[in-house]
């Protein structure tokens, strides 16, 4: 059987290498939420093109949040009892639309409404009202920070409920990215072989329609 040239095989192996590389530990793995010291806590930074875990001070978190969202007047939004959403007050006028943050917040509201994210009875009822009234869910602009919440609506470490939910979301994103990468890799590999001629029905050897006489 005819073998592809060695340089072509090398190209294919290089394309396949990222798909066979060891995977990063799951976000649910031990240590994912660890911080550098007892005076710090985790927050989530949602930018247009990335999702990142960050550290902020427990004692004075708001100035650190304001720095991250790029606005000294960080606006607070709360849709569920245990999660606070922080965005720049002037973001709609000065920043780009943040599809990542808007989509993740909407996913959180829907999951609370459907009961797949455990919440209080009041929290679930509120989320259900929001889910059927989407115009009350804001479109978020610029960098957005998520934190946990105290019963008084102040920044706090995340609950275990949010931690498990967030880990699931990241796993879904990773799987989607892997599928997209795999598809792109297959398309690239096929292109290395040049145009392929698929078998035609009834022995026809043309790409155009067959006209019977």
C-alpha atoms as a PDB file:
ATOM      1  CA  UNK A   1       0.000   0.000   0.000  1.00  0.00           C
ATOM      2  CA  UNK A   2       1.254   3.458  -0.864  1.00  0.00           C
ATOM      3  CA  UNK A   3       2.449   5.335   2.249  1.00  0.00           C
ATOM      4  CA  UNK A   4       2.167   9.130   2.670  1.00  0.00           C
ATOM      5  CA  UNK A   5       5.524  10.942   2.632  1.00  0.00           C
ATOM      6  CA  UNK A   6       7.322  11.262   5.982  1.00  0.00           C
ATOM      7  CA  UNK A   7       6.959  15.049   6.168  1.00  0.00           C
ATOM      8  CA  UNK A   8       3.191  14.674   5.758  1.00  0.00           C
ATOM      9  CA  UNK A   9       3.069  12.167   8.637  1.00  0.00           C
ATOM     10  CA  UNK A  10       5.095  14.601  10.746  1.00  0.00           C
ATOM     11  CA  UNK A  11       2.576  17.344  10.003  1.00  0.00           C
ATOM     12  CA  UNK A  12      -0.317  15.090  11.014  1.00  0.00           C
ATOM     13  CA  UNK A  13       1.398  14.048  14.257  1.00  0.00           C
ATOM     14  CA  UNK A  14       1.999  17.693  15.104  1.00  0.00           C
ATOM     15  CA  UNK A  15      -1.670  18.512  14.524  1.00  0.00           C
ATOM     16  CA  UNK A  16      -2.816  15.595  16.684  1.00  0.00           C
ATOM     17  CA  UNK A  17      -0.413  16.306  19.555  1.00  0.00           C
ATOM     18  CA  UNK A  18      -2.645  18.819  21.415  1.00  0.00           C
ATOM     19  CA  UNK A  19      -5.583  16.371  21.304  1.00  0.00           C
ATOM     20  CA  UNK A  20      -3.548  13.624  22.952  1.00  0.00           C
ATOM     21  CA  UNK A  21      -1.837  15.852  25.537  1.00  0.00           C
ATOM     22  CA  UNK A  22      -2.616  15.246  29.236  1.00  0.00           C
ATOM     23  CA  UNK A  23      -5.679  17.174  30.360  1.00  0.00           C
ATOM     24  CA  UNK A  24      -5.587  19.832  33.063  1.00  0.00           C
ATOM     25  CA  UNK A  25      -7.009  18.797  36.444  1.00  0.00           C
ATOM     26  CA  UNK A  26     -10.740  19.249  36.819  1.00  0.00           C
ATOM     27  CA  UNK A  27     -11.810  22.502  38.503  1.00  0.00           C
ATOM     28  CA  UNK A  28     -13.367  20.326  41.193  1.00  0.00           C
ATOM     29  CA  UNK A  29      -9.939  18.895  42.043  1.00  0.00           C
ATOM     30  CA  UNK A  30      -8.411  19.600  45.435  1.00  0.00           C
ATOM     31  CA  UNK A  31      -6.659  22.945  45.579  1.00  0.00           C
ATOM     32  CA  UNK A  32      -8.613  24.658  42.811  1.00  0.00           C
ATOM     33  CA  UNK A  33     -10.071  27.241  45.207  1.00  0.00           C
ATOM     34  CA  UNK A  34      -6.978  27.565  47.400  1.00  0.00           C
ATOM     35  CA  UNK A  35      -5.688  31.072  48.118  1.00  0.00           C
ATOM     36  CA  UNK A  36      -2.293  32.397  49.117  1.00  0.00           C
ATOM     37  CA  UNK A  37      -3.270  33.103  52.737  1.00  0.00           C
ATOM     38  CA  UNK A  38      -6.162  33.425  55.220  1.00  0.00           C
ATOM     39  CA  UNK A  39      -6.544  37.124  54.454  1.00  0.00           C
ATOM     40  CA  UNK A  40      -7.428  36.423  50.797  1.00  0.00           C
ATOM     41  CA  UNK A  41     -10.438  34.883  49.031  1.00  0.00           C
ATOM     42  CA  UNK A  42     -11.260  33.735  45.514  1.00  0.00           C
ATOM     43  CA  UNK A  43     -13.283  35.703  42.978  1.00  0.00           C
ATOM     44  CA  UNK A  44     -14.017  35.049  39.303  1.00  0.00           C
ATOM     45  CA  UNK A  45     -12.995  37.556  36.628  1.00  0.00           C
ATOM     46  CA  UNK A  46     -15.095  37.388  33.470  1.00  0.00           C
ATOM     47  CA  UNK A  47     -13.613  39.235  30.531  1.00  0.00           C
ATOM     48  CA  UNK A  48     -14.751  39.144  26.932  1.00  0.00           C
ATOM     49  CA  UNK A  49     -12.264  36.427  26.002  1.00  0.00           C
ATOM     50  CA  UNK A  50     -11.350  34.718  29.264  1.00  0.00           C
ATOM     51  CA  UNK A  51     -12.559  33.335  32.588  1.00  0.00           C
ATOM     52  CA  UNK A  52     -10.009  33.647  35.375  1.00  0.00           C
ATOM     53  CA  UNK A  53      -9.807  32.899  39.081  1.00  0.00           C
ATOM     54  CA  UNK A  54      -8.365  35.848  41.011  1.00  0.00           C
ATOM     55  CA  UNK A  55      -7.606  36.659  44.642  1.00  0.00           C
ATOM     56  CA  UNK A  56      -9.039  39.649  46.525  1.00  0.00           C
ATOM     57  CA  UNK A  57      -8.635  40.719  50.159  1.00  0.00           C
ATOM     58  CA  UNK A  58     -11.251  39.542  52.629  1.00  0.00           C
ATOM     59  CA  UNK A  59     -10.993  42.690  54.744  1.00  0.00           C
ATOM     60  CA  UNK A  60     -11.377  45.323  51.996  1.00  0.00           C
ATOM     61  CA  UNK A  61     -12.540  43.557  48.828  1.00  0.00           C
ATOM     62  CA  UNK A  62     -14.404  46.410  47.119  1.00  0.00           C
ATOM     63  CA  UNK A  63     -11.341  48.520  46.118  1.00  0.00           C
ATOM     64  CA  UNK A  64      -9.732  45.404  44.607  1.00  0.00           C
ATOM     65  CA  UNK A  65     -12.947  44.632  42.736  1.00  0.00           C
ATOM     66  CA  UNK A  66     -13.143  48.211  41.448  1.00  0.00           C
ATOM     67  CA  UNK A  67      -9.590  47.909  40.119  1.00  0.00           C
ATOM     68  CA  UNK A  68     -10.467  44.690  38.292  1.00  0.00           C
ATOM     69  CA  UNK A  69     -13.589  46.115  36.626  1.00  0.00           C
ATOM     70  CA  UNK A  70     -11.720  49.308  35.742  1.00  0.00           C
ATOM     71  CA  UNK A  71     -14.119  51.680  37.472  1.00  0.00           C
ATOM     72  CA  UNK A  72     -13.796  53.222  40.962  1.00  0.00           C
ATOM     73  CA  UNK A  73     -17.582  53.048  41.207  1.00  0.00           C
ATOM     74  CA  UNK A  74     -18.121  49.307  40.869  1.00  0.00           C
ATOM     75  CA  UNK A  75     -21.835  48.589  40.417  1.00  0.00           C
ATOM     76  CA  UNK A  76     -23.298  45.695  42.408  1.00  0.00           C
ATOM     77  CA  UNK A  77     -25.956  43.370  40.967  1.00  0.00           C
ATOM     78  CA  UNK A  78     -27.436  40.421  42.848  1.00  0.00           C
ATOM     79  CA  UNK A  79     -29.817  37.851  41.387  1.00  0.00           C
ATOM     80  CA  UNK A  80     -29.157  34.897  43.664  1.00  0.00           C
ATOM     81  CA  UNK A  81     -28.554  34.938  47.441  1.00  0.00           C
ATOM     82  CA  UNK A  82     -25.000  33.573  47.290  1.00  0.00           C
ATOM     83  CA  UNK A  83     -23.456  35.353  44.270  1.00  0.00           C
ATOM     84  CA  UNK A  84     -22.636  39.035  43.751  1.00  0.00           C
ATOM     85  CA  UNK A  85     -21.995  40.472  40.269  1.00  0.00           C
ATOM     86  CA  UNK A  86     -19.708  43.492  40.019  1.00  0.00           C
ATOM     87  CA  UNK A  87     -19.371  45.648  36.881  1.00  0.00           C
ATOM     88  CA  UNK A  88     -18.158  49.135  36.043  1.00  0.00           C
ATOM     89  CA  UNK A  89     -20.897  51.721  36.520  1.00  0.00           C
ATOM     90  CA  UNK A  90     -20.072  53.385  33.193  1.00  0.00           C
ATOM     91  CA  UNK A  91     -19.284  50.157  31.378  1.00  0.00           C
ATOM     92  CA  UNK A  92     -22.125  50.474  28.877  1.00  0.00           C
ATOM     93  CA  UNK A  93     -20.660  53.800  27.691  1.00  0.00           C
ATOM     94  CA  UNK A  94     -16.954  53.018  27.840  1.00  0.00           C
ATOM     95  CA  UNK A  95     -16.497  49.271  27.287  1.00  0.00           C
ATOM     96  CA  UNK A  96     -17.314  46.482  24.851  1.00  0.00           C
ATOM     97  CA  UNK A  97     -20.213  44.100  25.307  1.00  0.00           C
ATOM     98  CA  UNK A  98     -19.147  41.185  27.516  1.00  0.00           C
ATOM     99  CA  UNK A  99     -20.873  38.128  26.038  1.00  0.00           C
ATOM    100  CA  UNK A 100     -18.959  35.785  28.351  1.00  0.00           C
ATOM    101  CA  UNK A 101     -20.244  37.426  31.538  1.00  0.00           C
ATOM    102  CA  UNK A 102     -23.770  37.958  30.213  1.00  0.00           C
ATOM    103  CA  UNK A 103     -24.053  34.331  29.098  1.00  0.00           C
ATOM    104  CA  UNK A 104     -22.668  32.885  32.325  1.00  0.00           C
ATOM    105  CA  UNK A 105     -24.954  35.031  34.514  1.00  0.00           C
ATOM    106  CA  UNK A 106     -27.989  34.045  32.433  1.00  0.00           C
ATOM    107  CA  UNK A 107     -26.977  30.373  32.763  1.00  0.00           C
ATOM    108  CA  UNK A 108     -26.773  30.814  36.540  1.00  0.00           C
ATOM    109  CA  UNK A 109     -30.250  32.372  36.680  1.00  0.00           C
ATOM    110  CA  UNK A 110     -31.773  29.592  34.572  1.00  0.00           C
ATOM    111  CA  UNK A 111     -30.134  26.846  36.664  1.00  0.00           C
ATOM    112  CA  UNK A 112     -31.362  28.429  39.901  1.00  0.00           C
ATOM    113  CA  UNK A 113     -34.853  28.773  38.396  1.00  0.00           C
ATOM    114  CA  UNK A 114     -34.887  25.116  37.300  1.00  0.00           C
ATOM    115  CA  UNK A 115     -33.568  23.868  40.637  1.00  0.00           C
ATOM    116  CA  UNK A 116     -30.322  22.414  39.249  1.00  0.00           C
ATOM    117  CA  UNK A 117     -28.484  25.048  41.306  1.00  0.00           C
ATOM    118  CA  UNK A 118     -29.516  24.763  44.954  1.00  0.00           C
ATOM    119  CA  UNK A 119     -30.810  28.020  46.389  1.00  0.00           C
ATOM    120  CA  UNK A 120     -33.278  29.352  48.930  1.00  0.00           C
ATOM    121  CA  UNK A 121     -36.995  29.296  48.204  1.00  0.00           C
ATOM    122  CA  UNK A 122     -36.936  33.058  47.749  1.00  0.00           C
ATOM    123  CA  UNK A 123     -33.855  32.850  45.525  1.00  0.00           C
ATOM    124  CA  UNK A 124     -35.439  30.259  43.266  1.00  0.00           C
ATOM    125  CA  UNK A 125     -38.720  32.181  43.003  1.00  0.00           C
ATOM    126  CA  UNK A 126     -36.809  35.344  42.101  1.00  0.00           C
ATOM    127  CA  UNK A 127     -34.781  33.503  39.455  1.00  0.00           C
ATOM    128  CA  UNK A 128     -37.973  32.028  37.987  1.00  0.00           C
ATOM    129  CA  UNK A 129     -39.429  35.522  37.589  1.00  0.00           C
ATOM    130  CA  UNK A 130     -36.223  36.683  35.903  1.00  0.00           C
ATOM    131  CA  UNK A 131     -36.120  33.653  33.600  1.00  0.00           C
ATOM    132  CA  UNK A 132     -39.532  34.501  32.142  1.00  0.00           C
ATOM    133  CA  UNK A 133     -38.752  38.233  32.009  1.00  0.00           C
ATOM    134  CA  UNK A 134     -35.380  38.361  30.231  1.00  0.00           C
ATOM    135  CA  UNK A 135     -35.444  42.142  29.781  1.00  0.00           C
ATOM    136  CA  UNK A 136     -34.717  42.422  33.503  1.00  0.00           C
ATOM    137  CA  UNK A 137     -31.428  40.549  33.056  1.00  0.00           C
ATOM    138  CA  UNK A 138     -28.764  43.149  32.197  1.00  0.00           C
ATOM    139  CA  UNK A 139     -26.388  43.098  29.287  1.00  0.00           C
ATOM    140  CA  UNK A 140     -22.957  43.324  30.882  1.00  0.00           C
ATOM    141  CA  UNK A 141     -20.112  45.449  29.558  1.00  0.00           C
ATOM    142  CA  UNK A 142     -16.415  45.436  30.298  1.00  0.00           C
ATOM    143  CA  UNK A 143     -14.698  43.199  32.868  1.00  0.00           C
ATOM    144  CA  UNK A 144     -17.055  41.632  35.406  1.00  0.00           C
ATOM    145  CA  UNK A 145     -16.170  40.114  38.788  1.00  0.00           C
ATOM    146  CA  UNK A 146     -18.202  37.494  40.647  1.00  0.00           C
ATOM    147  CA  UNK A 147     -17.881  36.974  44.389  1.00  0.00           C
ATOM    148  CA  UNK A 148     -19.749  35.078  47.042  1.00  0.00           C
ATOM    149  CA  UNK A 149     -22.155  36.977  49.271  1.00  0.00           C
ATOM    150  CA  UNK A 150     -22.923  37.361  52.956  1.00  0.00           C
ATOM    151  CA  UNK A 151     -26.525  37.539  54.156  1.00  0.00           C
ATOM    152  CA  UNK A 152     -26.057  41.331  54.160  1.00  0.00           C
ATOM    153  CA  UNK A 153     -24.989  41.435  50.503  1.00  0.00           C
ATOM    154  CA  UNK A 154     -21.281  41.969  51.107  1.00  0.00           C
ATOM    155  CA  UNK A 155     -18.441  40.150  49.254  1.00  0.00           C
ATOM    156  CA  UNK A 156     -17.574  36.759  50.709  1.00  0.00           C
ATOM    157  CA  UNK A 157     -15.963  33.463  49.688  1.00  0.00           C
ATOM    158  CA  UNK A 158     -18.008  31.312  47.318  1.00  0.00           C
ATOM    159  CA  UNK A 159     -20.259  28.563  48.637  1.00  0.00           C
ATOM    160  CA  UNK A 160     -19.627  24.914  47.762  1.00  0.00           C
ATOM    161  CA  UNK A 161     -22.788  25.069  45.637  1.00  0.00           C
ATOM    162  CA  UNK A 162     -21.286  27.742  43.412  1.00  0.00           C
ATOM    163  CA  UNK A 163     -17.941  25.907  43.347  1.00  0.00           C
ATOM    164  CA  UNK A 164     -19.487  22.708  41.977  1.00  0.00           C
ATOM    165  CA  UNK A 165     -21.649  24.644  39.499  1.00  0.00           C
ATOM    166  CA  UNK A 166     -18.695  26.679  38.255  1.00  0.00           C
ATOM    167  CA  UNK A 167     -16.578  23.540  37.852  1.00  0.00           C
ATOM    168  CA  UNK A 168     -19.320  21.987  35.724  1.00  0.00           C
ATOM    169  CA  UNK A 169     -19.523  25.107  33.549  1.00  0.00           C
ATOM    170  CA  UNK A 170     -15.755  25.057  32.960  1.00  0.00           C
ATOM    171  CA  UNK A 171     -15.875  21.353  32.081  1.00  0.00           C
ATOM    172  CA  UNK A 172     -18.611  22.063  29.526  1.00  0.00           C
ATOM    173  CA  UNK A 173     -16.538  24.880  28.027  1.00  0.00           C
ATOM    174  CA  UNK A 174     -13.475  22.610  27.847  1.00  0.00           C
ATOM    175  CA  UNK A 175     -15.437  19.831  26.120  1.00  0.00           C
ATOM    176  CA  UNK A 176     -16.890  22.264  23.600  1.00  0.00           C
ATOM    177  CA  UNK A 177     -13.447  23.714  22.882  1.00  0.00           C
ATOM    178  CA  UNK A 178     -12.044  20.184  22.457  1.00  0.00           C
ATOM    179  CA  UNK A 179     -14.776  19.292  19.939  1.00  0.00           C
ATOM    180  CA  UNK A 180     -14.100  22.472  17.971  1.00  0.00           C
ATOM    181  CA  UNK A 181     -10.360  21.783  18.010  1.00  0.00           C
ATOM    182  CA  UNK A 182     -10.860  18.176  16.932  1.00  0.00           C
ATOM    183  CA  UNK A 183     -13.093  19.219  14.032  1.00  0.00           C
ATOM    184  CA  UNK A 184     -10.590  21.852  12.911  1.00  0.00           C
ATOM    185  CA  UNK A 185      -7.757  19.312  13.151  1.00  0.00           C
ATOM    186  CA  UNK A 186      -9.598  16.793  10.976  1.00  0.00           C
ATOM    187  CA  UNK A 187     -10.347  19.479   8.387  1.00  0.00           C
ATOM    188  CA  UNK A 188      -6.685  20.539   8.366  1.00  0.00           C
ATOM    189  CA  UNK A 189      -5.455  16.944   8.016  1.00  0.00           C
ATOM    190  CA  UNK A 190      -7.817  16.315   5.107  1.00  0.00           C
ATOM    191  CA  UNK A 191      -6.605  19.462   3.406  1.00  0.00           C
ATOM    192  CA  UNK A 192      -3.047  18.080   3.495  1.00  0.00           C
ATOM    193  CA  UNK A 193      -4.125  15.323   1.131  1.00  0.00           C
ATOM    194  CA  UNK A 194      -5.662  17.758  -1.340  1.00  0.00           C
ATOM    195  CA  UNK A 195      -9.161  17.464  -2.892  1.00  0.00           C
ATOM    196  CA  UNK A 196     -10.807  14.109  -2.307  1.00  0.00           C
ATOM    197  CA  UNK A 197     -13.018  12.493  -4.918  1.00  0.00           C
ATOM    198  CA  UNK A 198     -15.920  10.652  -3.321  1.00  0.00           C
ATOM    199  CA  UNK A 199     -17.401   7.599  -5.083  1.00  0.00           C
ATOM    200  CA  UNK A 200     -20.328   8.493  -7.328  1.00  0.00           C
ATOM    201  CA  UNK A 201     -23.558   6.492  -7.581  1.00  0.00           C
ATOM    202  CA  UNK A 202     -23.955   4.110 -10.519  1.00  0.00           C
ATOM    203  CA  UNK A 203     -20.264   4.404 -11.351  1.00  0.00           C
ATOM    204  CA  UNK A 204     -20.551   8.021 -12.443  1.00  0.00           C
ATOM    205  CA  UNK A 205     -17.249   9.899 -12.360  1.00  0.00           C
ATOM    206  CA  UNK A 206     -18.415  13.511 -12.311  1.00  0.00           C
ATOM    207  CA  UNK A 207     -19.121  16.054  -9.605  1.00  0.00           C
ATOM    208  CA  UNK A 208     -22.117  17.485 -11.470  1.00  0.00           C
ATOM    209  CA  UNK A 209     -25.668  16.183 -11.658  1.00  0.00           C
ATOM    210  CA  UNK A 210     -26.307  13.114 -13.799  1.00  0.00           C
ATOM    211  CA  UNK A 211     -28.769  13.547 -16.636  1.00  0.00           C
ATOM    212  CA  UNK A 212     -30.410  10.426 -17.946  1.00  0.00           C
ATOM    213  CA  UNK A 213     -31.227  10.131 -21.650  1.00  0.00           C
END
